[in-house]
Amino acid sequence: MTDDELKQLQDSYSRLREDAAQTPAFFYDALFRHAPELRRLFRDDLEGQGMKFMTTLGVILAKLKDETAVASQFQELGRTHASLGVLAPHFAPMEDALIDTLHHALGKEMTPELEALWRKAFKEIAGQMIRRGSIPNS
């Protein structure tokens, strides 16, 4: 990922955070529309979980080009997700929910090019979590 691509992601993430109170709720609503079976993996109160998700995403984006800086985070996140019953195939609806959330928050600013960048970044983050956290396929 180039410096310019990373800057585009970080700038759009900043816009996403502008509505920090609503963004996580929209993300989880979208996730459960895409994969209602995943609802059982989450506690009833998603507010704290949503804020943690947004914060973690920001930290990872800030250091995405420096894999050694976030390697332990990928491992910890992966292990935590695995312990909760998350499987590798569950990341696909998470990606779609994130994209839906970005479209909702950014409107016309969410261009096809920016969507492709977010999908690329999500696949990198998810792949690192799956690999480093030993998240199973089934």
N, C-alpha and C. Protein backbone atom coordinates (compact mmCIF):
# COMPACT_ATOMS: atom_id res chain seq x y z
N MET A 1 0.84 -1.17 0.00
CA MET A 1 0.00 0.00 0.00
C MET A 1 0.89 1.24 0.00
N THR A 2 0.57 2.16 -0.87
CA THR A 2 1.38 3.38 -0.98
C THR A 2 1.03 4.35 0.16
N ASP A 3 1.90 5.34 0.34
CA ASP A 3 1.63 6.37 1.34
C ASP A 3 0.34 7.12 1.02
N ASP A 4 0.12 7.39 -0.27
CA ASP A 4 -1.09 8.10 -0.68
C ASP A 4 -2.35 7.27 -0.38
N GLU A 5 -2.28 5.98 -0.65
CA GLU A 5 -3.44 5.11 -0.36
C GLU A 5 -3.72 5.07 1.13
N LEU A 6 -2.68 4.95 1.91
CA LEU A 6 -2.85 4.93 3.36
C LEU A 6 -3.43 6.25 3.86
N LYS A 7 -2.99 7.35 3.30
CA LYS A 7 -3.54 8.67 3.68
C LYS A 7 -5.02 8.74 3.34
N GLN A 8 -5.41 8.23 2.19
CA GLN A 8 -6.83 8.23 1.82
C GLN A 8 -7.66 7.43 2.83
N LEU A 9 -7.14 6.29 3.24
CA LEU A 9 -7.84 5.47 4.24
C LEU A 9 -7.95 6.22 5.56
N GLN A 10 -6.85 6.82 5.98
CA GLN A 10 -6.85 7.53 7.26
C GLN A 10 -7.79 8.74 7.22
N ASP A 11 -7.80 9.45 6.11
CA ASP A 11 -8.70 10.61 5.98
C ASP A 11 -10.16 10.17 6.03
N SER A 12 -10.48 9.09 5.34
CA SER A 12 -11.87 8.63 5.34
C SER A 12 -12.24 8.05 6.70
N TYR A 13 -11.29 7.44 7.38
CA TYR A 13 -11.54 6.96 8.74
C TYR A 13 -11.85 8.15 9.66
N SER A 14 -11.13 9.24 9.49
CA SER A 14 -11.39 10.43 10.30
C SER A 14 -12.82 10.92 10.09
N ARG A 15 -13.29 10.89 8.87
CA ARG A 15 -14.68 11.27 8.58
C ARG A 15 -15.65 10.28 9.22
N LEU A 16 -15.30 9.01 9.19
CA LEU A 16 -16.14 7.98 9.80
C LEU A 16 -16.28 8.23 11.30
N ARG A 17 -15.20 8.64 11.93
CA ARG A 17 -15.20 8.88 13.38
C ARG A 17 -15.97 10.13 13.78
N GLU A 18 -16.25 11.00 12.83
CA GLU A 18 -17.00 12.22 13.15
C GLU A 18 -18.36 11.90 13.76
N ASP A 19 -18.92 10.77 13.37
CA ASP A 19 -20.21 10.34 13.91
C ASP A 19 -19.99 9.09 14.76
N ALA A 20 -19.03 9.20 15.68
CA ALA A 20 -18.59 8.05 16.47
C ALA A 20 -19.71 7.41 17.28
N ALA A 21 -20.73 8.18 17.62
CA ALA A 21 -21.83 7.61 18.41
C ALA A 21 -22.71 6.70 17.56
N GLN A 22 -22.86 7.02 16.28
CA GLN A 22 -23.75 6.25 15.41
C GLN A 22 -23.04 5.19 14.57
N THR A 23 -21.78 5.43 14.25
CA THR A 23 -21.06 4.53 13.34
C THR A 23 -21.01 3.09 13.83
N PRO A 24 -20.63 2.82 15.08
CA PRO A 24 -20.59 1.42 15.50
C PRO A 24 -21.96 0.75 15.45
N ALA A 25 -23.00 1.46 15.82
CA ALA A 25 -24.35 0.88 15.77
C ALA A 25 -24.72 0.53 14.33
N PHE A 26 -24.39 1.41 13.39
CA PHE A 26 -24.68 1.12 11.99
C PHE A 26 -23.89 -0.10 11.53
N PHE A 27 -22.61 -0.17 11.93
CA PHE A 27 -21.77 -1.31 11.55
C PHE A 27 -22.40 -2.63 12.01
N TYR A 28 -22.79 -2.71 13.28
CA TYR A 28 -23.33 -3.97 13.80
C TYR A 28 -24.70 -4.28 13.20
N ASP A 29 -25.51 -3.27 12.95
CA ASP A 29 -26.78 -3.51 12.25
C ASP A 29 -26.52 -4.11 10.87
N ALA A 30 -25.54 -3.53 10.16
CA ALA A 30 -25.19 -4.04 8.83
C ALA A 30 -24.62 -5.46 8.93
N LEU A 31 -23.77 -5.70 9.92
CA LEU A 31 -23.20 -7.04 10.08
C LEU A 31 -24.29 -8.08 10.29
N PHE A 32 -25.25 -7.77 11.14
CA PHE A 32 -26.29 -8.76 11.44
C PHE A 32 -27.31 -8.88 10.30
N ARG A 33 -27.38 -7.88 9.43
CA ARG A 33 -28.18 -8.04 8.20
C ARG A 33 -27.47 -9.00 7.24
N HIS A 34 -26.15 -8.86 7.15
CA HIS A 34 -25.38 -9.73 6.26
C HIS A 34 -25.26 -11.15 6.80
N ALA A 35 -25.15 -11.28 8.10
CA ALA A 35 -24.92 -12.60 8.72
C ALA A 35 -25.61 -12.66 10.08
N PRO A 36 -26.93 -12.85 10.09
CA PRO A 36 -27.66 -12.86 11.36
C PRO A 36 -27.17 -13.94 12.34
N GLU A 37 -26.59 -14.98 11.81
CA GLU A 37 -26.09 -16.06 12.67
C GLU A 37 -24.92 -15.62 13.56
N LEU A 38 -24.29 -14.51 13.22
CA LEU A 38 -23.17 -14.01 14.02
C LEU A 38 -23.63 -13.28 15.28
N ARG A 39 -24.90 -12.93 15.36
CA ARG A 39 -25.40 -12.19 16.53
C ARG A 39 -25.09 -12.91 17.83
N ARG A 40 -25.13 -14.24 17.79
CA ARG A 40 -24.91 -15.04 19.00
C ARG A 40 -23.49 -14.91 19.55
N LEU A 41 -22.57 -14.41 18.73
CA LEU A 41 -21.18 -14.27 19.16
C LEU A 41 -20.92 -12.99 19.95
N PHE A 42 -21.93 -12.12 20.01
CA PHE A 42 -21.75 -10.81 20.63
C PHE A 42 -22.64 -10.67 21.86
N ARG A 43 -22.15 -9.88 22.82
CA ARG A 43 -22.95 -9.61 24.00
C ARG A 43 -24.13 -8.71 23.60
N ASP A 44 -25.09 -8.58 24.50
CA ASP A 44 -26.28 -7.78 24.21
C ASP A 44 -25.95 -6.31 24.03
N ASP A 45 -25.08 -5.78 24.88
CA ASP A 45 -24.72 -4.37 24.81
C ASP A 45 -23.54 -4.20 23.86
N LEU A 46 -23.81 -3.67 22.69
CA LEU A 46 -22.77 -3.54 21.68
C LEU A 46 -22.07 -2.18 21.70
N GLU A 47 -22.52 -1.26 22.52
CA GLU A 47 -21.97 0.09 22.50
C GLU A 47 -20.47 0.09 22.80
N GLY A 48 -20.08 -0.55 23.89
CA GLY A 48 -18.66 -0.60 24.24
C GLY A 48 -17.85 -1.36 23.21
N GLN A 49 -18.41 -2.43 22.70
CA GLN A 49 -17.75 -3.23 21.66
C GLN A 49 -17.54 -2.39 20.41
N GLY A 50 -18.53 -1.61 20.07
CA GLY A 50 -18.43 -0.77 18.87
C GLY A 50 -17.36 0.28 18.99
N MET A 51 -17.25 0.90 20.15
CA MET A 51 -16.21 1.92 20.34
C MET A 51 -14.83 1.28 20.30
N LYS A 52 -14.72 0.08 20.86
CA LYS A 52 -13.43 -0.63 20.83
C LYS A 52 -13.05 -0.96 19.39
N PHE A 53 -14.04 -1.38 18.61
CA PHE A 53 -13.82 -1.68 17.19
C PHE A 53 -13.28 -0.45 16.46
N MET A 54 -13.92 0.69 16.66
CA MET A 54 -13.51 1.92 15.98
C MET A 54 -12.10 2.34 16.40
N THR A 55 -11.82 2.25 17.68
CA THR A 55 -10.50 2.64 18.18
C THR A 55 -9.41 1.72 17.62
N THR A 56 -9.66 0.43 17.66
CA THR A 56 -8.69 -0.54 17.15
C THR A 56 -8.44 -0.34 15.67
N LEU A 57 -9.51 -0.11 14.91
CA LEU A 57 -9.36 0.13 13.48
C LEU A 57 -8.48 1.35 13.23
N GLY A 58 -8.67 2.39 14.00
CA GLY A 58 -7.85 3.59 13.86
C GLY A 58 -6.39 3.35 14.15
N VAL A 59 -6.12 2.60 15.21
CA VAL A 59 -4.73 2.30 15.58
C VAL A 59 -4.06 1.48 14.49
N ILE A 60 -4.76 0.49 13.98
CA ILE A 60 -4.19 -0.36 12.93
C ILE A 60 -3.94 0.46 11.66
N LEU A 61 -4.89 1.30 11.29
CA LEU A 61 -4.69 2.12 10.09
C LEU A 61 -3.51 3.07 10.25
N ALA A 62 -3.31 3.57 11.44
CA ALA A 62 -2.21 4.50 11.68
C ALA A 62 -0.85 3.84 11.46
N LYS A 63 -0.80 2.53 11.64
CA LYS A 63 0.49 1.83 11.55
C LYS A 63 0.48 0.67 10.56
N LEU A 64 -0.46 0.68 9.63
CA LEU A 64 -0.64 -0.45 8.73
C LEU A 64 0.61 -0.78 7.91
N LYS A 65 1.38 0.21 7.56
CA LYS A 65 2.58 -0.05 6.76
C LYS A 65 3.74 -0.60 7.59
N ASP A 66 3.64 -0.52 8.89
CA ASP A 66 4.70 -1.01 9.78
C ASP A 66 4.19 -2.27 10.48
N GLU A 67 4.29 -3.40 9.80
CA GLU A 67 3.72 -4.65 10.31
C GLU A 67 4.26 -5.01 11.69
N THR A 68 5.52 -4.73 11.95
CA THR A 68 6.07 -5.09 13.26
C THR A 68 5.42 -4.27 14.37
N ALA A 69 4.95 -3.06 14.05
CA ALA A 69 4.31 -2.22 15.06
C ALA A 69 2.94 -2.75 15.49
N VAL A 70 2.29 -3.49 14.60
CA VAL A 70 0.94 -3.98 14.91
C VAL A 70 0.86 -5.51 14.97
N ALA A 71 1.98 -6.19 14.81
CA ALA A 71 1.97 -7.65 14.80
C ALA A 71 1.36 -8.22 16.08
N SER A 72 1.73 -7.68 17.22
CA SER A 72 1.19 -8.21 18.48
C SER A 72 -0.30 -7.90 18.60
N GLN A 73 -0.74 -6.76 18.06
CA GLN A 73 -2.17 -6.45 18.08
C GLN A 73 -2.94 -7.43 17.21
N PHE A 74 -2.40 -7.74 16.02
CA PHE A 74 -3.05 -8.72 15.15
C PHE A 74 -3.17 -10.06 15.87
N GLN A 75 -2.10 -10.46 16.54
CA GLN A 75 -2.11 -11.74 17.25
C GLN A 75 -3.14 -11.72 18.38
N GLU A 76 -3.12 -10.67 19.18
CA GLU A 76 -4.06 -10.58 20.30
C GLU A 76 -5.51 -10.53 19.81
N LEU A 77 -5.77 -9.71 18.80
CA LEU A 77 -7.13 -9.62 18.25
C LEU A 77 -7.57 -10.96 17.67
N GLY A 78 -6.67 -11.60 16.96
CA GLY A 78 -7.00 -12.90 16.38
C GLY A 78 -7.31 -13.94 17.43
N ARG A 79 -6.48 -14.01 18.45
CA ARG A 79 -6.71 -14.99 19.52
C ARG A 79 -8.02 -14.72 20.26
N THR A 80 -8.28 -13.44 20.52
CA THR A 80 -9.53 -13.07 21.20
C THR A 80 -10.73 -13.48 20.35
N HIS A 81 -10.69 -13.16 19.06
CA HIS A 81 -11.79 -13.53 18.17
C HIS A 81 -11.96 -15.04 18.10
N ALA A 82 -10.84 -15.77 18.01
CA ALA A 82 -10.92 -17.23 17.97
C ALA A 82 -11.55 -17.79 19.24
N SER A 83 -11.20 -17.22 20.38
CA SER A 83 -11.74 -17.71 21.66
C SER A 83 -13.24 -17.46 21.77
N LEU A 84 -13.74 -16.49 21.01
CA LEU A 84 -15.17 -16.18 21.03
C LEU A 84 -15.96 -17.01 20.01
N GLY A 85 -15.24 -17.80 19.22
CA GLY A 85 -15.91 -18.64 18.23
C GLY A 85 -15.93 -18.08 16.82
N VAL A 86 -15.21 -17.00 16.60
CA VAL A 86 -15.14 -16.42 15.26
C VAL A 86 -14.31 -17.34 14.37
N LEU A 87 -14.81 -17.56 13.17
CA LEU A 87 -14.13 -18.39 12.17
C LEU A 87 -13.68 -17.51 11.01
N ALA A 88 -12.72 -17.98 10.26
CA ALA A 88 -12.20 -17.21 9.13
C ALA A 88 -13.31 -16.77 8.16
N PRO A 89 -14.29 -17.61 7.84
CA PRO A 89 -15.35 -17.16 6.93
C PRO A 89 -16.20 -16.02 7.47
N HIS A 90 -16.19 -15.79 8.75
CA HIS A 90 -16.98 -14.70 9.34
C HIS A 90 -16.45 -13.32 8.95
N PHE A 91 -15.21 -13.25 8.48
CA PHE A 91 -14.64 -11.96 8.13
C PHE A 91 -15.25 -11.37 6.86
N ALA A 92 -15.77 -12.19 5.98
CA ALA A 92 -16.39 -11.67 4.75
C ALA A 92 -17.60 -10.79 5.06
N PRO A 93 -18.55 -11.24 5.89
CA PRO A 93 -19.66 -10.32 6.21
C PRO A 93 -19.21 -9.11 7.03
N MET A 94 -18.13 -9.26 7.80
CA MET A 94 -17.60 -8.10 8.53
C MET A 94 -17.08 -7.06 7.53
N GLU A 95 -16.41 -7.52 6.50
CA GLU A 95 -15.91 -6.61 5.46
C GLU A 95 -17.09 -5.89 4.79
N ASP A 96 -18.12 -6.64 4.43
CA ASP A 96 -19.28 -6.03 3.78
C ASP A 96 -19.96 -5.02 4.70
N ALA A 97 -20.04 -5.33 5.99
CA ALA A 97 -20.66 -4.40 6.94
C ALA A 97 -19.83 -3.12 7.06
N LEU A 98 -18.51 -3.25 7.05
CA LEU A 98 -17.65 -2.07 7.11
C LEU A 98 -17.86 -1.21 5.86
N ILE A 99 -17.92 -1.84 4.71
CA ILE A 99 -18.13 -1.09 3.46
C ILE A 99 -19.49 -0.40 3.48
N ASP A 100 -20.53 -1.09 3.94
CA ASP A 100 -21.85 -0.46 4.06
C ASP A 100 -21.78 0.76 4.97
N THR A 101 -21.06 0.62 6.08
CA THR A 101 -20.93 1.70 7.05
C THR A 101 -20.20 2.89 6.44
N LEU A 102 -19.16 2.62 5.70
CA LEU A 102 -18.41 3.69 5.03
C LEU A 102 -19.28 4.40 3.99
N HIS A 103 -20.05 3.64 3.22
CA HIS A 103 -20.95 4.26 2.24
C HIS A 103 -21.96 5.16 2.95
N HIS A 104 -22.49 4.68 4.06
CA HIS A 104 -23.47 5.45 4.83
C HIS A 104 -22.85 6.74 5.37
N ALA A 105 -21.66 6.63 5.93
CA ALA A 105 -21.02 7.78 6.57
C ALA A 105 -20.44 8.78 5.57
N LEU A 106 -19.90 8.28 4.47
CA LEU A 106 -19.17 9.14 3.54
C LEU A 106 -20.00 9.59 2.34
N GLY A 107 -21.09 8.89 2.06
CA GLY A 107 -21.92 9.25 0.92
C GLY A 107 -21.14 9.21 -0.38
N LYS A 108 -21.21 10.30 -1.13
CA LYS A 108 -20.57 10.38 -2.46
C LYS A 108 -19.05 10.31 -2.38
N GLU A 109 -18.51 10.62 -1.19
CA GLU A 109 -17.05 10.56 -1.03
C GLU A 109 -16.52 9.13 -1.07
N MET A 110 -17.41 8.17 -0.87
CA MET A 110 -17.01 6.76 -0.92
C MET A 110 -17.04 6.30 -2.37
N THR A 111 -15.97 6.62 -3.06
CA THR A 111 -15.85 6.29 -4.48
C THR A 111 -15.51 4.81 -4.66
N PRO A 112 -15.68 4.29 -5.86
CA PRO A 112 -15.27 2.90 -6.11
C PRO A 112 -13.78 2.67 -5.79
N GLU A 113 -12.96 3.67 -6.04
CA GLU A 113 -11.52 3.54 -5.76
C GLU A 113 -11.27 3.46 -4.25
N LEU A 114 -11.97 4.30 -3.49
CA LEU A 114 -11.81 4.27 -2.04
C LEU A 114 -12.36 2.97 -1.47
N GLU A 115 -13.46 2.50 -2.02
CA GLU A 115 -13.99 1.20 -1.57
C GLU A 115 -12.96 0.10 -1.82
N ALA A 116 -12.33 0.11 -2.97
CA ALA A 116 -11.32 -0.91 -3.28
C ALA A 116 -10.16 -0.83 -2.29
N LEU A 117 -9.76 0.38 -1.91
CA LEU A 117 -8.69 0.54 -0.93
C LEU A 117 -9.10 -0.03 0.43
N TRP A 118 -10.34 0.27 0.85
CA TRP A 118 -10.80 -0.26 2.13
C TRP A 118 -10.88 -1.78 2.10
N ARG A 119 -11.34 -2.33 0.99
CA ARG A 119 -11.41 -3.80 0.89
C ARG A 119 -10.01 -4.40 0.96
N LYS A 120 -9.06 -3.77 0.29
CA LYS A 120 -7.67 -4.23 0.33
C LYS A 120 -7.14 -4.18 1.76
N ALA A 121 -7.36 -3.08 2.45
CA ALA A 121 -6.88 -2.93 3.83
C ALA A 121 -7.56 -3.93 4.75
N PHE A 122 -8.87 -4.11 4.59
CA PHE A 122 -9.58 -5.04 5.45
C PHE A 122 -9.05 -6.46 5.25
N LYS A 123 -8.84 -6.84 4.00
CA LYS A 123 -8.32 -8.18 3.73
C LYS A 123 -6.95 -8.37 4.37
N GLU A 124 -6.13 -7.35 4.35
CA GLU A 124 -4.80 -7.42 4.98
C GLU A 124 -4.94 -7.57 6.49
N ILE A 125 -5.78 -6.74 7.09
CA ILE A 125 -5.99 -6.80 8.54
C ILE A 125 -6.58 -8.14 8.94
N ALA A 126 -7.62 -8.57 8.25
CA ALA A 126 -8.28 -9.84 8.57
C ALA A 126 -7.31 -11.01 8.37
N GLY A 127 -6.55 -10.98 7.29
CA GLY A 127 -5.59 -12.05 7.03
C GLY A 127 -4.55 -12.16 8.13
N GLN A 128 -4.07 -11.01 8.60
CA GLN A 128 -3.09 -11.00 9.69
C GLN A 128 -3.71 -11.56 10.98
N MET A 129 -4.94 -11.14 11.27
CA MET A 129 -5.61 -11.64 12.48
C MET A 129 -5.83 -13.14 12.40
N ILE A 130 -6.29 -13.61 11.25
CA ILE A 130 -6.56 -15.04 11.07
C ILE A 130 -5.27 -15.84 11.23
N ARG A 131 -4.23 -15.40 10.55
CA ARG A 131 -2.96 -16.14 10.57
C ARG A 131 -2.30 -16.07 11.95
N ARG A 132 -2.14 -14.88 12.48
CA ARG A 132 -1.42 -14.72 13.75
C ARG A 132 -2.22 -15.21 14.94
N GLY A 133 -3.56 -15.16 14.84
CA GLY A 133 -4.41 -15.58 15.94
C GLY A 133 -4.89 -17.01 15.84
N SER A 134 -4.43 -17.70 14.80
CA SER A 134 -4.82 -19.11 14.56
C SER A 134 -6.34 -19.28 14.54
N ILE A 135 -7.02 -18.40 13.83
CA ILE A 135 -8.47 -18.50 13.70
C ILE A 135 -8.77 -19.61 12.71
N PRO A 136 -9.58 -20.58 13.13
CA PRO A 136 -9.86 -21.72 12.25
C PRO A 136 -10.82 -21.38 11.12
N ASN A 137 -10.80 -22.22 10.09
CA ASN A 137 -11.72 -22.08 8.96
C ASN A 137 -13.11 -22.62 9.27
N SER A 138 -13.15 -23.62 10.14
CA SER A 138 -14.47 -24.20 10.49
C SER A 138 -14.42 -24.81 11.86
